[in-house]
Amino acid sequence: MPNIEAYDTEVYPINPSSSEAVFGYEFVDSVQETDADLAFCCVPGPFD
């Protein structure tokens, strides 16, 4: 996610379970609340 800061457009992190922010971008509850053209799905990797 750190390299998303270089992306030159709006960023909408989606997380219905949070009202906070990530890298300065506030979470929204649903992709339907955005005008996004492209979506990235991010999941955590396995913990060793």
PDB file of N, CA and C in Angstrom:
ATOM      1  N   MET A   1       0.800  -1.206   0.000  1.00  0.00           N
ATOM      2  CA  MET A   1       0.000   0.000   0.000  1.00  0.00           C
ATOM      3  C   MET A   1       0.843   1.270   0.000  1.00  0.00           C
ATOM      4  N   PRO A   2       2.059   1.293   0.507  1.00  0.00           N
ATOM      5  CA  PRO A   2       2.808   2.555   0.500  1.00  0.00           C
ATOM      6  C   PRO A   2       2.988   3.152  -0.898  1.00  0.00           C
ATOM      7  N   ASN A   3       3.123   2.324  -1.939  1.00  0.00           N
ATOM      8  CA  ASN A   3       3.327   2.874  -3.273  1.00  0.00           C
ATOM      9  C   ASN A   3       2.054   3.472  -3.860  1.00  0.00           C
ATOM     10  N   ILE A   4       0.901   3.269  -3.246  1.00  0.00           N
ATOM     11  CA  ILE A   4      -0.341   3.875  -3.719  1.00  0.00           C
ATOM     12  C   ILE A   4      -0.306   5.388  -3.556  1.00  0.00           C
ATOM     13  N   GLU A   5       0.549   5.883  -2.669  1.00  0.00           N
ATOM     14  CA  GLU A   5       0.676   7.328  -2.466  1.00  0.00           C
ATOM     15  C   GLU A   5       1.163   8.034  -3.731  1.00  0.00           C
ATOM     16  N   ALA A   6       1.854   7.323  -4.610  1.00  0.00           N
ATOM     17  CA  ALA A   6       2.349   7.910  -5.852  1.00  0.00           C
ATOM     18  C   ALA A   6       1.282   7.924  -6.939  1.00  0.00           C
ATOM     19  N   TYR A   7       0.171   7.259  -6.726  1.00  0.00           N
ATOM     20  CA  TYR A   7      -0.921   7.195  -7.704  1.00  0.00           C
ATOM     21  C   TYR A   7      -1.564   8.569  -7.807  1.00  0.00           C
ATOM     22  N   ASP A   8      -1.696   9.098  -9.010  1.00  0.00           N
ATOM     23  CA  ASP A   8      -2.120  10.478  -9.208  1.00  0.00           C
ATOM     24  C   ASP A   8      -3.623  10.604  -9.480  1.00  0.00           C
ATOM     25  N   THR A   9      -4.433  10.095  -8.586  1.00  0.00           N
ATOM     26  CA  THR A   9      -5.893  10.229  -8.679  1.00  0.00           C
ATOM     27  C   THR A   9      -6.497   9.927  -7.315  1.00  0.00           C
ATOM     28  N   GLU A  10      -7.804   9.906  -7.236  1.00  0.00           N
ATOM     29  CA  GLU A  10      -8.464   9.610  -5.964  1.00  0.00           C
ATOM     30  C   GLU A  10      -8.245   8.146  -5.570  1.00  0.00           C
ATOM     31  N   VAL A  11      -8.089   7.920  -4.278  1.00  0.00           N
ATOM     32  CA  VAL A  11      -7.933   6.574  -3.725  1.00  0.00           C
ATOM     33  C   VAL A  11      -9.025   6.383  -2.695  1.00  0.00           C
ATOM     34  N   TYR A  12      -9.735   5.260  -2.775  1.00  0.00           N
ATOM     35  CA  TYR A  12     -10.840   4.969  -1.869  1.00  0.00           C
ATOM     36  C   TYR A  12     -10.602   3.629  -1.174  1.00  0.00           C
ATOM     37  N   PRO A  13      -9.982   3.615  -0.006  1.00  0.00           N
ATOM     38  CA  PRO A  13      -9.868   2.339   0.708  1.00  0.00           C
ATOM     39  C   PRO A  13     -11.251   1.931   1.237  1.00  0.00           C
ATOM     40  N   ILE A  14     -11.642   0.700   0.967  1.00  0.00           N
ATOM     41  CA  ILE A  14     -12.956   0.193   1.352  1.00  0.00           C
ATOM     42  C   ILE A  14     -12.797  -0.713   2.570  1.00  0.00           C
ATOM     43  N   ASN A  15     -13.512  -0.392   3.637  1.00  0.00           N
ATOM     44  CA  ASN A  15     -13.509  -1.226   4.830  1.00  0.00           C
ATOM     45  C   ASN A  15     -14.757  -0.897   5.641  1.00  0.00           C
ATOM     46  N   PRO A  16     -15.794  -1.714   5.525  1.00  0.00           N
ATOM     47  CA  PRO A  16     -17.038  -1.431   6.252  1.00  0.00           C
ATOM     48  C   PRO A  16     -16.901  -1.555   7.771  1.00  0.00           C
ATOM     49  N   SER A  17     -15.787  -2.112   8.241  1.00  0.00           N
ATOM     50  CA  SER A  17     -15.596  -2.315   9.680  1.00  0.00           C
ATOM     51  C   SER A  17     -14.781  -1.214  10.341  1.00  0.00           C
ATOM     52  N   SER A  18     -14.414  -0.187   9.589  1.00  0.00           N
ATOM     53  CA  SER A  18     -13.542   0.846  10.162  1.00  0.00           C
ATOM     54  C   SER A  18     -14.025   2.236   9.795  1.00  0.00           C
ATOM     55  N   SER A  19     -13.790   3.172  10.688  1.00  0.00           N
ATOM     56  CA  SER A  19     -14.099   4.570  10.416  1.00  0.00           C
ATOM     57  C   SER A  19     -12.825   5.407  10.471  1.00  0.00           C
ATOM     58  N   GLU A  20     -11.685   4.755  10.361  1.00  0.00           N
ATOM     59  CA  GLU A  20     -10.401   5.438  10.462  1.00  0.00           C
ATOM     60  C   GLU A  20      -9.842   5.740   9.071  1.00  0.00           C
ATOM     61  N   ALA A  21      -8.535   5.774   8.940  1.00  0.00           N
ATOM     62  CA  ALA A  21      -7.879   6.080   7.671  1.00  0.00           C
ATOM     63  C   ALA A  21      -6.609   5.251   7.537  1.00  0.00           C
ATOM     64  N   VAL A  22      -6.127   5.149   6.303  1.00  0.00           N
ATOM     65  CA  VAL A  22      -4.868   4.475   6.017  1.00  0.00           C
ATOM     66  C   VAL A  22      -4.086   5.372   5.059  1.00  0.00           C
ATOM     67  N   PHE A  23      -2.849   5.690   5.403  1.00  0.00           N
ATOM     68  CA  PHE A  23      -2.010   6.583   4.611  1.00  0.00           C
ATOM     69  C   PHE A  23      -2.724   7.891   4.294  1.00  0.00           C
ATOM     70  N   GLY A  24      -3.559   8.362   5.214  1.00  0.00           N
ATOM     71  CA  GLY A  24      -4.260   9.630   5.034  1.00  0.00           C
ATOM     72  C   GLY A  24      -5.554   9.549   4.240  1.00  0.00           C
ATOM     73  N   TYR A  25      -5.919   8.361   3.759  1.00  0.00           N
ATOM     74  CA  TYR A  25      -7.162   8.174   3.010  1.00  0.00           C
ATOM     75  C   TYR A  25      -8.215   7.576   3.930  1.00  0.00           C
ATOM     76  N   GLU A  26      -9.359   8.250   4.064  1.00  0.00           N
ATOM     77  CA  GLU A  26     -10.421   7.756   4.932  1.00  0.00           C
ATOM     78  C   GLU A  26     -11.124   6.564   4.299  1.00  0.00           C
ATOM     79  N   PHE A  27     -11.446   5.572   5.127  1.00  0.00           N
ATOM     80  CA  PHE A  27     -12.181   4.403   4.649  1.00  0.00           C
ATOM     81  C   PHE A  27     -13.611   4.780   4.283  1.00  0.00           C
ATOM     82  N   VAL A  28     -14.140   4.121   3.264  1.00  0.00           N
ATOM     83  CA  VAL A  28     -15.558   4.208   2.936  1.00  0.00           C
ATOM     84  C   VAL A  28     -16.147   2.817   3.103  1.00  0.00           C
ATOM     85  N   ASP A  29     -17.450   2.753   3.335  1.00  0.00           N
ATOM     86  CA  ASP A  29     -18.102   1.476   3.641  1.00  0.00           C
ATOM     87  C   ASP A  29     -18.271   0.554   2.446  1.00  0.00           C
ATOM     88  N   SER A  30     -18.419   1.114   1.254  1.00  0.00           N
ATOM     89  CA  SER A  30     -18.736   0.293   0.084  1.00  0.00           C
ATOM     90  C   SER A  30     -18.168   0.921  -1.174  1.00  0.00           C
ATOM     91  N   VAL A  31     -17.816   0.095  -2.137  1.00  0.00           N
ATOM     92  CA  VAL A  31     -17.348   0.598  -3.422  1.00  0.00           C
ATOM     93  C   VAL A  31     -18.455   1.373  -4.132  1.00  0.00           C
ATOM     94  N   GLN A  32     -19.691   1.119  -3.778  1.00  0.00           N
ATOM     95  CA  GLN A  32     -20.816   1.842  -4.365  1.00  0.00           C
ATOM     96  C   GLN A  32     -20.825   3.319  -3.962  1.00  0.00           C
ATOM     97  N   GLU A  33     -20.070   3.672  -2.928  1.00  0.00           N
ATOM     98  CA  GLU A  33     -19.975   5.064  -2.478  1.00  0.00           C
ATOM     99  C   GLU A  33     -18.885   5.837  -3.217  1.00  0.00           C
ATOM    100  N   THR A  34     -18.257   5.216  -4.211  1.00  0.00           N
ATOM    101  CA  THR A  34     -17.160   5.844  -4.938  1.00  0.00           C
ATOM    102  C   THR A  34     -17.509   5.975  -6.416  1.00  0.00           C
ATOM    103  N   ASP A  35     -16.650   6.667  -7.140  1.00  0.00           N
ATOM    104  CA  ASP A  35     -16.753   6.702  -8.593  1.00  0.00           C
ATOM    105  C   ASP A  35     -15.516   6.047  -9.208  1.00  0.00           C
ATOM    106  N   ALA A  36     -15.035   5.001  -8.550  1.00  0.00           N
ATOM    107  CA  ALA A  36     -13.808   4.316  -8.951  1.00  0.00           C
ATOM    108  C   ALA A  36     -13.968   3.593 -10.287  1.00  0.00           C
ATOM    109  N   ASP A  37     -12.901   3.633 -11.091  1.00  0.00           N
ATOM    110  CA  ASP A  37     -12.841   2.912 -12.356  1.00  0.00           C
ATOM    111  C   ASP A  37     -12.039   1.622 -12.240  1.00  0.00           C
ATOM    112  N   LEU A  38     -11.223   1.519 -11.196  1.00  0.00           N
ATOM    113  CA  LEU A  38     -10.317   0.399 -11.030  1.00  0.00           C
ATOM    114  C   LEU A  38     -10.271   0.012  -9.563  1.00  0.00           C
ATOM    115  N   ALA A  39     -10.238  -1.281  -9.282  1.00  0.00           N
ATOM    116  CA  ALA A  39     -10.192  -1.751  -7.886  1.00  0.00           C
ATOM    117  C   ALA A  39      -9.010  -2.697  -7.689  1.00  0.00           C
ATOM    118  N   PHE A  40      -8.354  -2.566  -6.549  1.00  0.00           N
ATOM    119  CA  PHE A  40      -7.305  -3.488  -6.121  1.00  0.00           C
ATOM    120  C   PHE A  40      -7.811  -4.202  -4.887  1.00  0.00           C
ATOM    121  N   CYS A  41      -7.715  -5.506  -4.862  1.00  0.00           N
ATOM    122  CA  CYS A  41      -8.100  -6.270  -3.671  1.00  0.00           C
ATOM    123  C   CYS A  41      -6.828  -6.649  -2.930  1.00  0.00           C
ATOM    124  N   CYS A  42      -6.744  -6.235  -1.681  1.00  0.00           N
ATOM    125  CA  CYS A  42      -5.545  -6.498  -0.877  1.00  0.00           C
ATOM    126  C   CYS A  42      -5.922  -7.329   0.337  1.00  0.00           C
ATOM    127  N   VAL A  43      -5.181  -8.374   0.553  1.00  0.00           N
ATOM    128  CA  VAL A  43      -5.376  -9.229   1.723  1.00  0.00           C
ATOM    129  C   VAL A  43      -4.028  -9.412   2.404  1.00  0.00           C
ATOM    130  N   PRO A  44      -4.030  -9.600   3.706  1.00  0.00           N
ATOM    131  CA  PRO A  44      -2.746  -9.795   4.389  1.00  0.00           C
ATOM    132  C   PRO A  44      -2.109 -11.125   4.013  1.00  0.00           C
ATOM    133  N   GLY A  45      -0.796 -11.131   3.997  1.00  0.00           N
ATOM    134  CA  GLY A  45      -0.058 -12.361   3.725  1.00  0.00           C
ATOM    135  C   GLY A  45      -0.007 -13.244   4.958  1.00  0.00           C
ATOM    136  N   PRO A  46       0.484 -14.455   4.814  1.00  0.00           N
ATOM    137  CA  PRO A  46       0.579 -15.340   5.973  1.00  0.00           C
ATOM    138  C   PRO A  46       1.620 -14.842   6.981  1.00  0.00           C
ATOM    139  N   PHE A  47       1.326 -15.048   8.231  1.00  0.00           N
ATOM    140  CA  PHE A  47       2.262 -14.681   9.293  1.00  0.00           C
ATOM    141  C   PHE A  47       3.147 -15.862   9.608  1.00  0.00           C
ATOM    142  N   ASP A  48       4.432 -15.618   9.677  1.00  0.00           N
ATOM    143  CA  ASP A  48       5.379 -16.708   9.993  1.00  0.00           C
ATOM    144  C   ASP A  48       5.763 -16.668  11.435  1.00  0.00           C
TER     145      ASP A  48
END
